[in-house]
Amino acid sequence: MTRAEITAVVLKALSEVAPEIDAASVRPEAPLRDQVDLDSFDYLNFIVAIHAASRVDIPEADYAKLGTVNDTVEYLARHMASRSG
């Protein structure tokens, strides 16, 4: 998956969890929780959605590493690359 495709997956997952947001207006470098009103349950659903779409296991210890769209894309890209060889 390219970074653009991973970004699309992340934004789609975010839109599924918070359908009231405009995904195009989400700033990729800004903390998601500051931009989108995600409670803990919504954030967990976001993690589950990106796992389902990417098949990357995300242990609870790594949840804090997914604070922004950029962080999430980087995390997924790194783990997809290590899984493929």
Protein backbone atom coordinates (compact mmCIF):
# COMPACT_ATOMS: atom_id res chain seq x y z
CA MET A 1 0.00 0.00 0.00
CA THR A 2 1.25 3.48 -0.78
CA ARG A 3 1.20 6.24 1.82
CA ALA A 4 -1.68 7.88 -0.06
CA GLU A 5 -3.66 4.63 0.13
CA ILE A 6 -2.85 4.27 3.83
CA THR A 7 -3.94 7.87 4.42
CA ALA A 8 -7.23 7.13 2.65
CA VAL A 9 -7.74 4.07 4.88
CA VAL A 10 -7.07 6.13 8.00
CA LEU A 11 -9.45 8.92 6.96
CA LYS A 12 -12.14 6.42 5.99
CA ALA A 13 -11.84 4.73 9.39
CA LEU A 14 -12.05 8.11 11.10
CA SER A 15 -15.14 9.00 9.05
CA GLU A 16 -16.80 5.71 10.02
CA VAL A 17 -16.24 6.39 13.71
CA ALA A 18 -17.10 10.09 13.53
CA PRO A 19 -19.39 10.51 10.51
CA GLU A 20 -20.08 14.14 11.37
CA ILE A 21 -16.52 15.21 10.51
CA ASP A 22 -15.28 16.44 7.17
CA ALA A 23 -12.28 14.15 6.59
CA ALA A 24 -10.85 16.62 4.07
CA SER A 25 -10.54 19.25 6.81
CA VAL A 26 -8.58 17.02 9.19
CA ARG A 27 -5.05 18.37 9.55
CA PRO A 28 -2.68 15.40 9.28
CA GLU A 29 -0.13 16.86 11.71
CA ALA A 30 -2.58 17.89 14.45
CA PRO A 31 -3.72 15.58 17.26
CA LEU A 32 -6.89 13.76 16.26
CA ARG A 33 -8.50 14.14 19.66
CA ASP A 34 -8.10 17.92 19.43
CA GLN A 35 -9.77 18.03 16.01
CA VAL A 36 -12.44 15.38 16.38
CA ASP A 37 -14.53 14.77 19.46
CA LEU A 38 -13.41 11.18 20.04
CA ASP A 39 -14.09 9.63 23.40
CA SER A 40 -12.19 6.51 24.49
CA PHE A 41 -14.77 4.19 22.94
CA ASP A 42 -14.66 6.06 19.61
CA TYR A 43 -10.87 5.99 19.64
CA LEU A 44 -10.91 2.23 20.25
CA ASN A 45 -13.35 1.81 17.35
CA PHE A 46 -10.97 3.87 15.20
CA ILE A 47 -8.09 1.53 16.12
CA VAL A 48 -10.25 -1.52 15.35
CA ALA A 49 -11.29 -0.05 11.99
CA ILE A 50 -7.73 0.67 10.87
CA HIS A 51 -6.67 -2.80 12.01
CA ALA A 52 -9.50 -4.36 10.01
CA ALA A 53 -8.59 -2.37 6.91
CA SER A 54 -4.83 -2.80 7.14
CA ARG A 55 -4.46 -6.14 8.94
CA VAL A 56 -1.73 -4.56 11.08
CA ASP A 57 -1.90 -5.68 14.70
CA ILE A 58 -1.86 -2.67 16.99
CA PRO A 59 -1.11 -3.57 20.61
CA GLU A 60 -2.66 -1.40 23.29
CA ALA A 61 0.82 -0.19 24.27
CA ASP A 62 1.07 1.47 20.83
CA TYR A 63 -2.27 3.31 20.87
CA ALA A 64 -0.60 6.56 21.98
CA LYS A 65 1.66 6.39 18.90
CA LEU A 66 -1.42 6.97 16.69
CA GLY A 67 -2.18 10.51 17.82
CA THR A 68 -2.29 12.18 14.41
CA VAL A 69 -3.11 11.08 10.89
CA ASN A 70 0.59 11.37 10.02
CA ASP A 71 1.58 9.27 13.05
CA THR A 72 -0.96 6.62 12.13
CA VAL A 73 0.11 6.50 8.48
CA GLU A 74 3.77 6.22 9.50
CA TYR A 75 3.00 3.47 12.02
CA LEU A 76 1.00 1.46 9.49
CA ALA A 77 3.55 1.95 6.71
CA ARG A 78 6.40 0.84 8.96
CA HIS A 79 4.55 -2.27 10.15
CA MET A 80 3.34 -3.20 6.66
CA ALA A 81 6.90 -2.90 5.32
CA SER A 82 8.36 -5.07 8.09
CA ARG A 83 5.68 -7.69 7.49
CA SER A 84 6.39 -7.92 3.76
CA GLY A 85 10.04 -8.62 4.10
